[in-house]
Amino acid sequence: MKNFTNDQIRKSILLEYDRRSKGISSNPEMHMYNFPELKEIDNKEIYQNAKYLIDENLVRGGIDEEGEKKFPWITRLTQLGIELLEKEDHLT
């Protein structure tokens, strides 16, 4: 397993949904657990970070529960998520 920080995981998710919103994603139907840059990260970490993005209103989405399993889903970035990416873009 790769060792990524929460910020790196969150940024990967936000960037992919930003690309999707612009129609430039190379993985427009892929679930976040299968994003190439997150492929080697434990699904529990991806889940926690997706939940954080939803809870902080950075994305529109939710958590589906099927028995003991929980699946996060995201439909799009919110204005707050877009502003965060723009702010980080200016910092790097």
PDB file of N, CA and C in Angstrom:
ATOM      1  N   MET A   1       0.831  -1.193   0.000  1.00  0.00           N
ATOM      2  CA  MET A   1       0.000   0.000   0.000  1.00  0.00           C
ATOM      3  C   MET A   1       0.876   1.258   0.000  1.00  0.00           C
ATOM      4  N   LYS A   2       0.466   2.230  -0.778  1.00  0.00           N
ATOM      5  CA  LYS A   2       1.176   3.503  -0.788  1.00  0.00           C
ATOM      6  C   LYS A   2       0.763   4.307   0.426  1.00  0.00           C
ATOM      7  N   ASN A   3       1.641   5.162   0.869  1.00  0.00           N
ATOM      8  CA  ASN A   3       1.376   5.982   2.033  1.00  0.00           C
ATOM      9  C   ASN A   3       1.152   7.426   1.581  1.00  0.00           C
ATOM     10  N   PHE A   4      -0.098   7.829   1.451  1.00  0.00           N
ATOM     11  CA  PHE A   4      -0.447   9.180   1.038  1.00  0.00           C
ATOM     12  C   PHE A   4      -1.026   9.920   2.228  1.00  0.00           C
ATOM     13  N   THR A   5      -0.884  11.224   2.245  1.00  0.00           N
ATOM     14  CA  THR A   5      -1.533  12.010   3.285  1.00  0.00           C
ATOM     15  C   THR A   5      -2.997  12.195   2.925  1.00  0.00           C
ATOM     16  N   ASN A   6      -3.797  12.551   3.918  1.00  0.00           N
ATOM     17  CA  ASN A   6      -5.212  12.829   3.660  1.00  0.00           C
ATOM     18  C   ASN A   6      -5.356  13.947   2.639  1.00  0.00           C
ATOM     19  N   ASP A   7      -4.528  14.970   2.737  1.00  0.00           N
ATOM     20  CA  ASP A   7      -4.604  16.086   1.782  1.00  0.00           C
ATOM     21  C   ASP A   7      -4.349  15.615   0.354  1.00  0.00           C
ATOM     22  N   GLN A   8      -3.405  14.698   0.167  1.00  0.00           N
ATOM     23  CA  GLN A   8      -3.111  14.182  -1.172  1.00  0.00           C
ATOM     24  C   GLN A   8      -4.288  13.373  -1.715  1.00  0.00           C
ATOM     25  N   ILE A   9      -4.901  12.569  -0.873  1.00  0.00           N
ATOM     26  CA  ILE A   9      -6.050  11.769  -1.295  1.00  0.00           C
ATOM     27  C   ILE A   9      -7.209  12.684  -1.660  1.00  0.00           C
ATOM     28  N   ARG A  10      -7.483  13.650  -0.810  1.00  0.00           N
ATOM     29  CA  ARG A  10      -8.591  14.585  -1.064  1.00  0.00           C
ATOM     30  C   ARG A  10      -8.361  15.380  -2.347  1.00  0.00           C
ATOM     31  N   LYS A  11      -7.130  15.825  -2.542  1.00  0.00           N
ATOM     32  CA  LYS A  11      -6.830  16.601  -3.744  1.00  0.00           C
ATOM     33  C   LYS A  11      -6.996  15.746  -4.997  1.00  0.00           C
ATOM     34  N   SER A  12      -6.594  14.481  -4.943  1.00  0.00           N
ATOM     35  CA  SER A  12      -6.775  13.586  -6.088  1.00  0.00           C
ATOM     36  C   SER A  12      -8.242  13.437  -6.439  1.00  0.00           C
ATOM     37  N   ILE A  13      -9.081  13.266  -5.423  1.00  0.00           N
ATOM     38  CA  ILE A  13     -10.523  13.127  -5.658  1.00  0.00           C
ATOM     39  C   ILE A  13     -11.090  14.421  -6.231  1.00  0.00           C
ATOM     40  N   LEU A  14     -10.748  15.550  -5.629  1.00  0.00           N
ATOM     41  CA  LEU A  14     -11.252  16.841  -6.110  1.00  0.00           C
ATOM     42  C   LEU A  14     -10.797  17.118  -7.545  1.00  0.00           C
ATOM     43  N   LEU A  15      -9.538  16.837  -7.841  1.00  0.00           N
ATOM     44  CA  LEU A  15      -9.025  17.089  -9.194  1.00  0.00           C
ATOM     45  C   LEU A  15      -9.744  16.239 -10.242  1.00  0.00           C
ATOM     46  N   GLU A  16     -10.025  14.980  -9.902  1.00  0.00           N
ATOM     47  CA  GLU A  16     -10.722  14.119 -10.857  1.00  0.00           C
ATOM     48  C   GLU A  16     -12.134  14.639 -11.120  1.00  0.00           C
ATOM     49  N   TYR A  17     -12.838  15.061 -10.080  1.00  0.00           N
ATOM     50  CA  TYR A  17     -14.194  15.576 -10.296  1.00  0.00           C
ATOM     51  C   TYR A  17     -14.180  16.933 -10.992  1.00  0.00           C
ATOM     52  N   ASP A  18     -13.111  17.686 -10.810  1.00  0.00           N
ATOM     53  CA  ASP A  18     -12.952  18.925 -11.562  1.00  0.00           C
ATOM     54  C   ASP A  18     -12.754  18.611 -13.048  1.00  0.00           C
ATOM     55  N   ARG A  19     -11.915  17.630 -13.348  1.00  0.00           N
ATOM     56  CA  ARG A  19     -11.710  17.218 -14.743  1.00  0.00           C
ATOM     57  C   ARG A  19     -13.009  16.701 -15.361  1.00  0.00           C
ATOM     58  N   ARG A  20     -13.771  15.959 -14.585  1.00  0.00           N
ATOM     59  CA  ARG A  20     -15.051  15.452 -15.083  1.00  0.00           C
ATOM     60  C   ARG A  20     -16.005  16.596 -15.414  1.00  0.00           C
ATOM     61  N   SER A  21     -16.023  17.608 -14.563  1.00  0.00           N
ATOM     62  CA  SER A  21     -16.929  18.739 -14.795  1.00  0.00           C
ATOM     63  C   SER A  21     -16.551  19.510 -16.061  1.00  0.00           C
ATOM     64  N   LYS A  22     -15.270  19.446 -16.419  1.00  0.00           N
ATOM     65  CA  LYS A  22     -14.786  20.142 -17.619  1.00  0.00           C
ATOM     66  C   LYS A  22     -14.792  19.241 -18.852  1.00  0.00           C
ATOM     67  N   GLY A  23     -15.203  17.976 -18.672  1.00  0.00           N
ATOM     68  CA  GLY A  23     -15.255  17.035 -19.782  1.00  0.00           C
ATOM     69  C   GLY A  23     -13.897  16.573 -20.265  1.00  0.00           C
ATOM     70  N   ILE A  24     -12.875  16.644 -19.402  1.00  0.00           N
ATOM     71  CA  ILE A  24     -11.522  16.266 -19.826  1.00  0.00           C
ATOM     72  C   ILE A  24     -10.958  15.072 -19.048  1.00  0.00           C
ATOM     73  N   SER A  25     -11.822  14.367 -18.332  1.00  0.00           N
ATOM     74  CA  SER A  25     -11.366  13.213 -17.565  1.00  0.00           C
ATOM     75  C   SER A  25     -11.104  12.035 -18.489  1.00  0.00           C
ATOM     76  N   SER A  26     -10.035  11.308 -18.215  1.00  0.00           N
ATOM     77  CA  SER A  26      -9.769  10.086 -18.972  1.00  0.00           C
ATOM     78  C   SER A  26     -10.445   8.881 -18.307  1.00  0.00           C
ATOM     79  N   ASN A  27     -11.066   9.117 -17.151  1.00  0.00           N
ATOM     80  CA  ASN A  27     -11.748   8.061 -16.396  1.00  0.00           C
ATOM     81  C   ASN A  27     -13.138   8.523 -15.941  1.00  0.00           C
ATOM     82  N   PRO A  28     -13.996   8.985 -16.842  1.00  0.00           N
ATOM     83  CA  PRO A  28     -15.234   9.639 -16.420  1.00  0.00           C
ATOM     84  C   PRO A  28     -16.238   8.751 -15.690  1.00  0.00           C
ATOM     85  N   GLU A  29     -16.155   7.451 -15.841  1.00  0.00           N
ATOM     86  CA  GLU A  29     -17.114   6.557 -15.191  1.00  0.00           C
ATOM     87  C   GLU A  29     -16.497   5.754 -14.047  1.00  0.00           C
ATOM     88  N   MET A  30     -15.212   5.923 -13.817  1.00  0.00           N
ATOM     89  CA  MET A  30     -14.505   5.116 -12.838  1.00  0.00           C
ATOM     90  C   MET A  30     -14.840   5.543 -11.408  1.00  0.00           C
ATOM     91  N   HIS A  31     -15.049   4.564 -10.529  1.00  0.00           N
ATOM     92  CA  HIS A  31     -15.289   4.860  -9.117  1.00  0.00           C
ATOM     93  C   HIS A  31     -13.974   5.277  -8.464  1.00  0.00           C
ATOM     94  N   MET A  32     -14.076   6.138  -7.467  1.00  0.00           N
ATOM     95  CA  MET A  32     -12.856   6.682  -6.848  1.00  0.00           C
ATOM     96  C   MET A  32     -11.931   5.612  -6.286  1.00  0.00           C
ATOM     97  N   TYR A  33     -12.457   4.456  -5.871  1.00  0.00           N
ATOM     98  CA  TYR A  33     -11.583   3.388  -5.378  1.00  0.00           C
ATOM     99  C   TYR A  33     -10.649   2.877  -6.470  1.00  0.00           C
ATOM    100  N   ASN A  34     -11.006   3.127  -7.723  1.00  0.00           N
ATOM    101  CA  ASN A  34     -10.203   2.635  -8.838  1.00  0.00           C
ATOM    102  C   ASN A  34      -9.424   3.727  -9.563  1.00  0.00           C
ATOM    103  N   PHE A  35      -9.452   4.960  -9.061  1.00  0.00           N
ATOM    104  CA  PHE A  35      -8.655   6.010  -9.694  1.00  0.00           C
ATOM    105  C   PHE A  35      -7.200   5.545  -9.716  1.00  0.00           C
ATOM    106  N   PRO A  36      -6.530   5.658 -10.859  1.00  0.00           N
ATOM    107  CA  PRO A  36      -5.142   5.165 -10.953  1.00  0.00           C
ATOM    108  C   PRO A  36      -4.224   5.690  -9.847  1.00  0.00           C
ATOM    109  N   GLU A  37      -4.336   6.964  -9.504  1.00  0.00           N
ATOM    110  CA  GLU A  37      -3.432   7.519  -8.484  1.00  0.00           C
ATOM    111  C   GLU A  37      -3.777   7.050  -7.073  1.00  0.00           C
ATOM    112  N   LEU A  38      -4.978   6.480  -6.881  1.00  0.00           N
ATOM    113  CA  LEU A  38      -5.382   5.996  -5.559  1.00  0.00           C
ATOM    114  C   LEU A  38      -5.443   4.474  -5.492  1.00  0.00           C
ATOM    115  N   LYS A  39      -5.120   3.819  -6.569  1.00  0.00           N
ATOM    116  CA  LYS A  39      -5.283   2.366  -6.690  1.00  0.00           C
ATOM    117  C   LYS A  39      -4.609   1.595  -5.559  1.00  0.00           C
ATOM    118  N   GLU A  40      -3.470   2.056  -5.089  1.00  0.00           N
ATOM    119  CA  GLU A  40      -2.725   1.327  -4.065  1.00  0.00           C
ATOM    120  C   GLU A  40      -3.020   1.802  -2.646  1.00  0.00           C
ATOM    121  N   ILE A  41      -4.036   2.631  -2.489  1.00  0.00           N
ATOM    122  CA  ILE A  41      -4.386   3.148  -1.161  1.00  0.00           C
ATOM    123  C   ILE A  41      -5.515   2.311  -0.585  1.00  0.00           C
ATOM    124  N   ASP A  42      -5.449   2.044   0.689  1.00  0.00           N
ATOM    125  CA  ASP A  42      -6.482   1.272   1.362  1.00  0.00           C
ATOM    126  C   ASP A  42      -7.847   1.934   1.174  1.00  0.00           C
ATOM    127  N   ASN A  43      -8.855   1.143   0.827  1.00  0.00           N
ATOM    128  CA  ASN A  43     -10.192   1.674   0.584  1.00  0.00           C
ATOM    129  C   ASN A  43     -10.782   2.388   1.801  1.00  0.00           C
ATOM    130  N   LYS A  44     -10.392   1.976   2.992  1.00  0.00           N
ATOM    131  CA  LYS A  44     -10.883   2.637   4.207  1.00  0.00           C
ATOM    132  C   LYS A  44     -10.412   4.092   4.260  1.00  0.00           C
ATOM    133  N   GLU A  45      -9.181   4.328   3.828  1.00  0.00           N
ATOM    134  CA  GLU A  45      -8.648   5.694   3.797  1.00  0.00           C
ATOM    135  C   GLU A  45      -9.367   6.537   2.751  1.00  0.00           C
ATOM    136  N   ILE A  46      -9.622   5.938   1.585  1.00  0.00           N
ATOM    137  CA  ILE A  46     -10.347   6.652   0.538  1.00  0.00           C
ATOM    138  C   ILE A  46     -11.755   6.985   1.029  1.00  0.00           C
ATOM    139  N   TYR A  47     -12.409   6.021   1.660  1.00  0.00           N
ATOM    140  CA  TYR A  47     -13.753   6.235   2.204  1.00  0.00           C
ATOM    141  C   TYR A  47     -13.757   7.405   3.193  1.00  0.00           C
ATOM    142  N   GLN A  48     -12.831   7.403   4.145  1.00  0.00           N
ATOM    143  CA  GLN A  48     -12.784   8.464   5.163  1.00  0.00           C
ATOM    144  C   GLN A  48     -12.578   9.834   4.528  1.00  0.00           C
ATOM    145  N   ASN A  49     -11.750   9.896   3.505  1.00  0.00           N
ATOM    146  CA  ASN A  49     -11.489  11.175   2.843  1.00  0.00           C
ATOM    147  C   ASN A  49     -12.663  11.615   1.980  1.00  0.00           C
ATOM    148  N   ALA A  50     -13.333  10.691   1.320  1.00  0.00           N
ATOM    149  CA  ALA A  50     -14.536  11.029   0.554  1.00  0.00           C
ATOM    150  C   ALA A  50     -15.619  11.531   1.498  1.00  0.00           C
ATOM    151  N   LYS A  51     -15.773  10.864   2.644  1.00  0.00           N
ATOM    152  CA  LYS A  51     -16.754  11.287   3.650  1.00  0.00           C
ATOM    153  C   LYS A  51     -16.431  12.695   4.145  1.00  0.00           C
ATOM    154  N   TYR A  52     -15.163  12.972   4.373  1.00  0.00           N
ATOM    155  CA  TYR A  52     -14.745  14.305   4.792  1.00  0.00           C
ATOM    156  C   TYR A  52     -15.161  15.353   3.751  1.00  0.00           C
ATOM    157  N   LEU A  53     -14.898  15.068   2.470  1.00  0.00           N
ATOM    158  CA  LEU A  53     -15.243  16.021   1.406  1.00  0.00           C
ATOM    159  C   LEU A  53     -16.750  16.273   1.366  1.00  0.00           C
ATOM    160  N   ILE A  54     -17.533  15.228   1.570  1.00  0.00           N
ATOM    161  CA  ILE A  54     -18.991  15.364   1.594  1.00  0.00           C
ATOM    162  C   ILE A  54     -19.418  16.162   2.814  1.00  0.00           C
ATOM    163  N   ASP A  55     -18.915  15.790   3.987  1.00  0.00           N
ATOM    164  CA  ASP A  55     -19.287  16.462   5.241  1.00  0.00           C
ATOM    165  C   ASP A  55     -18.899  17.934   5.264  1.00  0.00           C
ATOM    166  N   GLU A  56     -17.791  18.272   4.617  1.00  0.00           N
ATOM    167  CA  GLU A  56     -17.317  19.658   4.596  1.00  0.00           C
ATOM    168  C   GLU A  56     -17.926  20.463   3.450  1.00  0.00           C
ATOM    169  N   ASN A  57     -18.865  19.846   2.725  1.00  0.00           N
ATOM    170  CA  ASN A  57     -19.576  20.515   1.626  1.00  0.00           C
ATOM    171  C   ASN A  57     -18.635  20.959   0.502  1.00  0.00           C
ATOM    172  N   LEU A  58     -17.585  20.178   0.284  1.00  0.00           N
ATOM    173  CA  LEU A  58     -16.674  20.457  -0.819  1.00  0.00           C
ATOM    174  C   LEU A  58     -17.126  19.744  -2.091  1.00  0.00           C
ATOM    175  N   VAL A  59     -17.970  18.724  -1.924  1.00  0.00           N
ATOM    176  CA  VAL A  59     -18.555  17.976  -3.035  1.00  0.00           C
ATOM    177  C   VAL A  59     -20.008  17.665  -2.708  1.00  0.00           C
ATOM    178  N   ARG A  60     -20.791  17.380  -3.751  1.00  0.00           N
ATOM    179  CA  ARG A  60     -22.142  16.859  -3.584  1.00  0.00           C
ATOM    180  C   ARG A  60     -22.042  15.354  -3.689  1.00  0.00           C
ATOM    181  N   GLY A  61     -22.612  14.661  -2.731  1.00  0.00           N
ATOM    182  CA  GLY A  61     -22.571  13.212  -2.746  1.00  0.00           C
ATOM    183  C   GLY A  61     -23.224  12.640  -1.518  1.00  0.00           C
ATOM    184  N   GLY A  62     -22.936  11.395  -1.251  1.00  0.00           N
ATOM    185  CA  GLY A  62     -23.517  10.724  -0.101  1.00  0.00           C
ATOM    186  C   GLY A  62     -22.836   9.393   0.140  1.00  0.00           C
ATOM    187  N   ILE A  63     -23.388   8.669   1.105  1.00  0.00           N
ATOM    188  CA  ILE A  63     -22.867   7.356   1.467  1.00  0.00           C
ATOM    189  C   ILE A  63     -24.024   6.364   1.371  1.00  0.00           C
ATOM    190  N   ASP A  64     -23.882   5.364   0.528  1.00  0.00           N
ATOM    191  CA  ASP A  64     -24.858   4.286   0.444  1.00  0.00           C
ATOM    192  C   ASP A  64     -24.402   3.155   1.352  1.00  0.00           C
ATOM    193  N   GLU A  65     -25.363   2.541   2.041  1.00  0.00           N
ATOM    194  CA  GLU A  65     -25.043   1.418   2.914  1.00  0.00           C
ATOM    195  C   GLU A  65     -25.728   0.171   2.403  1.00  0.00           C
ATOM    196  N   GLU A  66     -24.960  -0.895   2.339  1.00  0.00           N
ATOM    197  CA  GLU A  66     -25.476  -2.188   1.930  1.00  0.00           C
ATOM    198  C   GLU A  66     -24.996  -3.196   2.962  1.00  0.00           C
ATOM    199  N   GLY A  67     -25.829  -3.442   3.955  1.00  0.00           N
ATOM    200  CA  GLY A  67     -25.403  -4.310   5.053  1.00  0.00           C
ATOM    201  C   GLY A  67     -24.283  -3.651   5.826  1.00  0.00           C
ATOM    202  N   GLU A  68     -23.185  -4.350   5.944  1.00  0.00           N
ATOM    203  CA  GLU A  68     -22.016  -3.839   6.667  1.00  0.00           C
ATOM    204  C   GLU A  68     -21.145  -2.926   5.810  1.00  0.00           C
ATOM    205  N   LYS A  69     -21.386  -2.912   4.495  1.00  0.00           N
ATOM    206  CA  LYS A  69     -20.538  -2.152   3.587  1.00  0.00           C
ATOM    207  C   LYS A  69     -21.110  -0.762   3.340  1.00  0.00           C
ATOM    208  N   LYS A  70     -20.208   0.210   3.229  1.00  0.00           N
ATOM    209  CA  LYS A  70     -20.580   1.594   2.943  1.00  0.00           C
ATOM    210  C   LYS A  70     -19.824   2.056   1.701  1.00  0.00           C
ATOM    211  N   PHE A  71     -20.557   2.721   0.799  1.00  0.00           N
ATOM    212  CA  PHE A  71     -19.969   3.164  -0.457  1.00  0.00           C
ATOM    213  C   PHE A  71     -20.185   4.657  -0.638  1.00  0.00           C
ATOM    214  N   PRO A  72     -19.102   5.438  -0.671  1.00  0.00           N
ATOM    215  CA  PRO A  72     -19.271   6.866  -0.930  1.00  0.00           C
ATOM    216  C   PRO A  72     -19.500   7.111  -2.418  1.00  0.00           C
ATOM    217  N   TRP A  73     -20.276   8.122  -2.727  1.00  0.00           N
ATOM    218  CA  TRP A  73     -20.453   8.528  -4.115  1.00  0.00           C
ATOM    219  C   TRP A  73     -20.461  10.051  -4.171  1.00  0.00           C
ATOM    220  N   ILE A  74     -19.964  10.552  -5.275  1.00  0.00           N
ATOM    221  CA  ILE A  74     -19.857  11.997  -5.486  1.00  0.00           C
ATOM    222  C   ILE A  74     -20.416  12.302  -6.861  1.00  0.00           C
ATOM    223  N   THR A  75     -21.193  13.374  -6.945  1.00  0.00           N
ATOM    224  CA  THR A  75     -21.728  13.765  -8.244  1.00  0.00           C
ATOM    225  C   THR A  75     -20.981  14.951  -8.836  1.00  0.00           C
ATOM    226  N   ARG A  76     -20.532  15.870  -7.978  1.00  0.00           N
ATOM    227  CA  ARG A  76     -19.846  17.052  -8.507  1.00  0.00           C
ATOM    228  C   ARG A  76     -19.201  17.833  -7.375  1.00  0.00           C
ATOM    229  N   LEU A  77     -18.350  18.780  -7.744  1.00  0.00           N
ATOM    230  CA  LEU A  77     -17.758  19.714  -6.784  1.00  0.00           C
ATOM    231  C   LEU A  77     -18.772  20.800  -6.442  1.00  0.00           C
ATOM    232  N   THR A  78     -18.693  21.306  -5.239  1.00  0.00           N
ATOM    233  CA  THR A  78     -19.465  22.488  -4.873  1.00  0.00           C
ATOM    234  C   THR A  78     -18.605  23.716  -5.153  1.00  0.00           C
ATOM    235  N   GLN A  79     -19.181  24.879  -4.980  1.00  0.00           N
ATOM    236  CA  GLN A  79     -18.413  26.105  -5.155  1.00  0.00           C
ATOM    237  C   GLN A  79     -17.235  26.147  -4.181  1.00  0.00           C
ATOM    238  N   LEU A  80     -17.449  25.664  -2.951  1.00  0.00           N
ATOM    239  CA  LEU A  80     -16.354  25.618  -1.975  1.00  0.00           C
ATOM    240  C   LEU A  80     -15.208  24.719  -2.458  1.00  0.00           C
ATOM    241  N   GLY A  81     -15.545  23.581  -3.043  1.00  0.00           N
ATOM    242  CA  GLY A  81     -14.522  22.680  -3.573  1.00  0.00           C
ATOM    243  C   GLY A  81     -13.748  23.308  -4.710  1.00  0.00           C
ATOM    244  N   ILE A  82     -14.454  24.004  -5.581  1.00  0.00           N
ATOM    245  CA  ILE A  82     -13.806  24.690  -6.702  1.00  0.00           C
ATOM    246  C   ILE A  82     -12.865  25.769  -6.184  1.00  0.00           C
ATOM    247  N   GLU A  83     -13.335  26.545  -5.215  1.00  0.00           N
ATOM    248  CA  GLU A  83     -12.506  27.614  -4.647  1.00  0.00           C
ATOM    249  C   GLU A  83     -11.268  27.044  -3.963  1.00  0.00           C
ATOM    250  N   LEU A  84     -11.407  25.905  -3.282  1.00  0.00           N
ATOM    251  CA  LEU A  84     -10.253  25.279  -2.630  1.00  0.00           C
ATOM    252  C   LEU A  84      -9.210  24.867  -3.663  1.00  0.00           C
ATOM    253  N   LEU A  85      -9.656  24.254  -4.767  1.00  0.00           N
ATOM    254  CA  LEU A  85      -8.706  23.871  -5.817  1.00  0.00           C
ATOM    255  C   LEU A  85      -8.020  25.092  -6.424  1.00  0.00           C
ATOM    256  N   GLU A  86      -8.784  26.139  -6.665  1.00  0.00           N
ATOM    257  CA  GLU A  86      -8.205  27.374  -7.230  1.00  0.00           C
ATOM    258  C   GLU A  86      -7.187  27.970  -6.257  1.00  0.00           C
ATOM    259  N   LYS A  87      -7.500  27.969  -4.987  1.00  0.00           N
ATOM    260  CA  LYS A  87      -6.590  28.514  -3.973  1.00  0.00           C
ATOM    261  C   LYS A  87      -5.299  27.688  -3.928  1.00  0.00           C
ATOM    262  N   GLU A  88      -5.422  26.362  -3.933  1.00  0.00           N
ATOM    263  CA  GLU A  88      -4.245  25.494  -3.898  1.00  0.00           C
ATOM    264  C   GLU A  88      -3.423  25.636  -5.171  1.00  0.00           C
ATOM    265  N   ASP A  89      -4.085  25.858  -6.296  1.00  0.00           N
ATOM    266  CA  ASP A  89      -3.391  26.016  -7.571  1.00  0.00           C
ATOM    267  C   ASP A  89      -2.487  27.242  -7.530  1.00  0.00           C
ATOM    268  N   HIS A  90      -2.941  28.287  -6.858  1.00  0.00           N
ATOM    269  CA  HIS A  90      -2.138  29.494  -6.754  1.00  0.00           C
ATOM    270  C   HIS A  90      -0.981  29.333  -5.772  1.00  0.00           C
ATOM    271  N   LEU A  91      -1.091  28.388  -4.856  1.00  0.00           N
ATOM    272  CA  LEU A  91      -0.040  28.164  -3.869  1.00  0.00           C
ATOM    273  C   LEU A  91       1.089  27.303  -4.409  1.00  0.00           C
ATOM    274  N   THR A  92       0.824  26.503  -5.448  1.00  0.00           N
ATOM    275  CA  THR A  92       1.867  25.585  -5.953  1.00  0.00           C
ATOM    276  C   THR A  92       2.515  26.122  -7.194  1.00  0.00           C
TER     277      THR A  92
END
